[in-house]
Amino acid sequence: MKKTITASFEGFNVVDSTGFYKGKAEHSKIVTIIIDENELEKVVKLAQFYAAEFQQGSVMMIKQPIVQWDFIEPKKVVTAE
């Protein structure tokens, strides 16, 4: 992943999962990358690379709008002295 995803995107998330195809379980990964529309082609090329690399007929890509995206910092607790 360091040579592929990390080289192309600042941040992403990877989750191990079990997928099913035609009733058979198989190990899989769910990769979440939040991008701007102009980076979509990079994601498509990455999916094509992984499909070829792992000899898959396809790699699923889901594109959906982000309604809100925030980084929530911890609430600072003020203590009285």
N, C-alpha and C. Protein backbone atom coordinates (compact mmCIF):
# COMPACT_ATOMS: atom_id res chain seq x y z
N MET A 1 0.80 -1.20 0.00
CA MET A 1 0.00 0.00 0.00
C MET A 1 0.84 1.26 0.00
N LYS A 2 2.03 1.20 0.60
CA LYS A 2 2.87 2.40 0.64
C LYS A 2 3.24 2.88 -0.75
N LYS A 3 3.46 1.97 -1.67
CA LYS A 3 3.86 2.36 -3.02
C LYS A 3 2.67 2.77 -3.87
N THR A 4 1.47 2.44 -3.45
CA THR A 4 0.30 2.73 -4.27
C THR A 4 -0.58 3.81 -3.64
N ILE A 5 -1.29 3.47 -2.59
CA ILE A 5 -2.24 4.42 -2.01
C ILE A 5 -1.53 5.59 -1.33
N THR A 6 -0.56 5.28 -0.49
CA THR A 6 0.14 6.34 0.24
C THR A 6 0.85 7.30 -0.69
N ALA A 7 1.34 6.80 -1.80
CA ALA A 7 2.02 7.66 -2.77
C ALA A 7 1.06 8.62 -3.47
N SER A 8 -0.23 8.27 -3.49
CA SER A 8 -1.19 9.07 -4.25
C SER A 8 -2.11 9.94 -3.40
N PHE A 9 -2.31 9.55 -2.13
CA PHE A 9 -3.29 10.25 -1.30
C PHE A 9 -2.72 10.54 0.08
N GLU A 10 -3.07 11.70 0.65
CA GLU A 10 -2.57 12.11 1.96
C GLU A 10 -3.08 11.23 3.08
N GLY A 11 -4.32 10.83 3.01
CA GLY A 11 -4.90 10.03 4.08
C GLY A 11 -5.96 9.08 3.56
N PHE A 12 -6.11 7.97 4.25
CA PHE A 12 -7.11 6.97 3.88
C PHE A 12 -7.28 6.02 5.05
N ASN A 13 -8.28 5.16 4.97
CA ASN A 13 -8.55 4.19 6.01
C ASN A 13 -8.67 2.82 5.37
N VAL A 14 -8.13 1.79 6.03
CA VAL A 14 -8.21 0.42 5.52
C VAL A 14 -8.82 -0.47 6.60
N VAL A 15 -9.82 -1.26 6.22
CA VAL A 15 -10.48 -2.18 7.13
C VAL A 15 -10.44 -3.58 6.52
N ASP A 16 -10.01 -4.56 7.30
CA ASP A 16 -10.07 -5.95 6.85
C ASP A 16 -11.53 -6.41 6.90
N SER A 17 -11.94 -7.16 5.90
CA SER A 17 -13.33 -7.63 5.86
C SER A 17 -13.42 -9.00 5.20
N THR A 18 -14.59 -9.56 5.27
CA THR A 18 -14.88 -10.80 4.56
C THR A 18 -15.96 -10.48 3.54
N GLY A 19 -15.64 -10.67 2.29
CA GLY A 19 -16.61 -10.46 1.23
C GLY A 19 -17.14 -11.79 0.75
N PHE A 20 -18.25 -11.77 0.03
CA PHE A 20 -18.83 -12.98 -0.51
C PHE A 20 -19.09 -12.79 -1.99
N TYR A 21 -18.70 -13.77 -2.77
CA TYR A 21 -18.95 -13.74 -4.21
C TYR A 21 -19.44 -15.11 -4.62
N LYS A 22 -20.63 -15.17 -5.18
CA LYS A 22 -21.26 -16.43 -5.60
C LYS A 22 -21.28 -17.43 -4.45
N GLY A 23 -21.58 -16.92 -3.25
CA GLY A 23 -21.72 -17.78 -2.08
C GLY A 23 -20.44 -18.19 -1.39
N LYS A 24 -19.30 -17.79 -1.93
CA LYS A 24 -18.01 -18.15 -1.33
C LYS A 24 -17.42 -16.95 -0.61
N ALA A 25 -16.96 -17.19 0.63
CA ALA A 25 -16.31 -16.13 1.41
C ALA A 25 -14.89 -15.92 0.91
N GLU A 26 -14.46 -14.67 0.93
CA GLU A 26 -13.09 -14.36 0.57
C GLU A 26 -12.62 -13.16 1.39
N HIS A 27 -11.33 -13.18 1.74
CA HIS A 27 -10.76 -12.06 2.47
C HIS A 27 -10.73 -10.84 1.55
N SER A 28 -11.04 -9.70 2.12
CA SER A 28 -10.99 -8.49 1.32
C SER A 28 -10.63 -7.30 2.20
N LYS A 29 -10.42 -6.18 1.58
CA LYS A 29 -10.10 -4.93 2.27
C LYS A 29 -11.10 -3.88 1.81
N ILE A 30 -11.48 -3.01 2.74
CA ILE A 30 -12.29 -1.85 2.40
C ILE A 30 -11.39 -0.64 2.59
N VAL A 31 -11.18 0.09 1.52
CA VAL A 31 -10.32 1.28 1.57
C VAL A 31 -11.22 2.50 1.38
N THR A 32 -11.16 3.41 2.33
CA THR A 32 -11.94 4.65 2.25
C THR A 32 -10.99 5.80 1.99
N ILE A 33 -11.24 6.53 0.91
CA ILE A 33 -10.43 7.69 0.56
C ILE A 33 -11.40 8.84 0.28
N ILE A 34 -11.26 9.93 1.00
CA ILE A 34 -12.08 11.11 0.74
C ILE A 34 -11.30 12.02 -0.18
N ILE A 35 -11.90 12.33 -1.33
CA ILE A 35 -11.19 13.08 -2.37
C ILE A 35 -12.05 14.21 -2.91
N ASP A 36 -11.38 15.11 -3.61
CA ASP A 36 -12.08 16.10 -4.42
C ASP A 36 -12.39 15.44 -5.77
N GLU A 37 -13.38 15.96 -6.45
CA GLU A 37 -13.80 15.40 -7.75
C GLU A 37 -12.63 15.28 -8.72
N ASN A 38 -11.68 16.22 -8.65
CA ASN A 38 -10.55 16.20 -9.60
C ASN A 38 -9.58 15.03 -9.35
N GLU A 39 -9.72 14.32 -8.23
CA GLU A 39 -8.85 13.17 -7.95
C GLU A 39 -9.50 11.84 -8.30
N LEU A 40 -10.69 11.87 -8.87
CA LEU A 40 -11.42 10.64 -9.17
C LEU A 40 -10.65 9.73 -10.11
N GLU A 41 -10.00 10.28 -11.09
CA GLU A 41 -9.24 9.46 -12.05
C GLU A 41 -8.12 8.68 -11.35
N LYS A 42 -7.50 9.28 -10.33
CA LYS A 42 -6.46 8.57 -9.57
C LYS A 42 -7.05 7.35 -8.87
N VAL A 43 -8.26 7.48 -8.35
CA VAL A 43 -8.91 6.36 -7.68
C VAL A 43 -9.24 5.25 -8.68
N VAL A 44 -9.73 5.62 -9.84
CA VAL A 44 -10.05 4.64 -10.88
C VAL A 44 -8.78 3.88 -11.28
N LYS A 45 -7.69 4.58 -11.49
CA LYS A 45 -6.43 3.92 -11.86
C LYS A 45 -5.94 3.01 -10.74
N LEU A 46 -6.10 3.43 -9.50
CA LEU A 46 -5.71 2.61 -8.36
C LEU A 46 -6.55 1.33 -8.32
N ALA A 47 -7.85 1.45 -8.53
CA ALA A 47 -8.73 0.27 -8.55
C ALA A 47 -8.34 -0.68 -9.68
N GLN A 48 -8.02 -0.14 -10.85
CA GLN A 48 -7.60 -0.98 -11.97
C GLN A 48 -6.30 -1.71 -11.64
N PHE A 49 -5.37 -1.00 -10.98
CA PHE A 49 -4.11 -1.63 -10.58
C PHE A 49 -4.36 -2.79 -9.62
N TYR A 50 -5.19 -2.57 -8.59
CA TYR A 50 -5.46 -3.63 -7.62
C TYR A 50 -6.22 -4.79 -8.23
N ALA A 51 -7.13 -4.55 -9.16
CA ALA A 51 -7.83 -5.63 -9.85
C ALA A 51 -6.82 -6.52 -10.59
N ALA A 52 -5.86 -5.90 -11.26
CA ALA A 52 -4.84 -6.67 -11.98
C ALA A 52 -3.87 -7.34 -11.01
N GLU A 53 -3.42 -6.61 -10.00
CA GLU A 53 -2.44 -7.11 -9.04
C GLU A 53 -2.93 -8.36 -8.30
N PHE A 54 -4.21 -8.37 -7.94
CA PHE A 54 -4.76 -9.49 -7.18
C PHE A 54 -5.66 -10.39 -8.02
N GLN A 55 -5.53 -10.28 -9.34
CA GLN A 55 -6.23 -11.13 -10.31
C GLN A 55 -7.73 -11.20 -10.02
N GLN A 56 -8.33 -10.03 -9.88
CA GLN A 56 -9.77 -9.92 -9.64
C GLN A 56 -10.47 -9.50 -10.92
N GLY A 57 -11.70 -9.94 -11.07
CA GLY A 57 -12.48 -9.52 -12.23
C GLY A 57 -12.84 -8.05 -12.15
N SER A 58 -12.91 -7.53 -10.91
CA SER A 58 -13.23 -6.12 -10.72
C SER A 58 -12.92 -5.73 -9.27
N VAL A 59 -12.90 -4.44 -9.04
CA VAL A 59 -12.76 -3.86 -7.70
C VAL A 59 -13.93 -2.89 -7.55
N MET A 60 -14.68 -3.02 -6.47
CA MET A 60 -15.84 -2.16 -6.28
C MET A 60 -15.40 -0.76 -5.86
N MET A 61 -16.00 0.24 -6.48
CA MET A 61 -15.78 1.63 -6.09
C MET A 61 -17.14 2.26 -5.88
N ILE A 62 -17.31 2.93 -4.75
CA ILE A 62 -18.55 3.64 -4.46
C ILE A 62 -18.23 5.12 -4.39
N LYS A 63 -18.95 5.90 -5.15
CA LYS A 63 -18.78 7.35 -5.15
C LYS A 63 -20.05 7.96 -4.58
N GLN A 64 -19.89 8.74 -3.53
CA GLN A 64 -21.07 9.40 -2.96
C GLN A 64 -20.68 10.77 -2.46
N PRO A 65 -21.63 11.70 -2.45
CA PRO A 65 -21.32 13.05 -1.97
C PRO A 65 -21.11 13.04 -0.45
N ILE A 66 -20.25 13.91 0.00
CA ILE A 66 -20.01 14.10 1.42
C ILE A 66 -20.85 15.29 1.87
N VAL A 67 -21.74 15.08 2.81
CA VAL A 67 -22.60 16.15 3.30
C VAL A 67 -21.83 17.04 4.26
N GLN A 68 -21.05 16.42 5.12
CA GLN A 68 -20.25 17.18 6.09
C GLN A 68 -18.99 16.38 6.39
N TRP A 69 -17.89 17.12 6.54
CA TRP A 69 -16.61 16.48 6.84
C TRP A 69 -15.88 17.38 7.81
N ASP A 70 -15.69 16.89 9.04
CA ASP A 70 -15.03 17.66 10.08
C ASP A 70 -14.04 16.79 10.82
N PHE A 71 -13.06 17.42 11.41
CA PHE A 71 -12.18 16.77 12.37
C PHE A 71 -12.57 17.33 13.73
N ILE A 72 -13.05 16.48 14.61
CA ILE A 72 -13.53 16.91 15.92
C ILE A 72 -12.40 16.73 16.93
N GLU A 73 -12.03 17.83 17.57
CA GLU A 73 -10.97 17.79 18.56
C GLU A 73 -11.56 17.53 19.93
N PRO A 74 -10.74 17.01 20.86
CA PRO A 74 -11.28 16.75 22.19
C PRO A 74 -11.71 18.05 22.86
N LYS A 75 -12.73 17.93 23.66
CA LYS A 75 -13.23 19.08 24.41
C LYS A 75 -12.24 19.39 25.51
N LYS A 76 -11.86 20.65 25.61
CA LYS A 76 -10.92 21.06 26.65
C LYS A 76 -11.66 21.25 27.96
N VAL A 77 -11.16 20.59 28.98
CA VAL A 77 -11.78 20.69 30.29
C VAL A 77 -11.07 21.76 31.09
N VAL A 78 -11.83 22.71 31.59
CA VAL A 78 -11.26 23.79 32.41
C VAL A 78 -11.44 23.41 33.87
N THR A 79 -10.35 23.38 34.59
CA THR A 79 -10.45 23.05 36.01
C THR A 79 -10.18 24.29 36.85
N ALA A 80 -10.90 24.41 37.92
CA ALA A 80 -10.72 25.53 38.83
C ALA A 80 -9.61 25.18 39.82
N GLU A 81 -8.77 26.15 40.09
CA GLU A 81 -7.67 25.91 41.04
C GLU A 81 -7.98 26.48 42.39
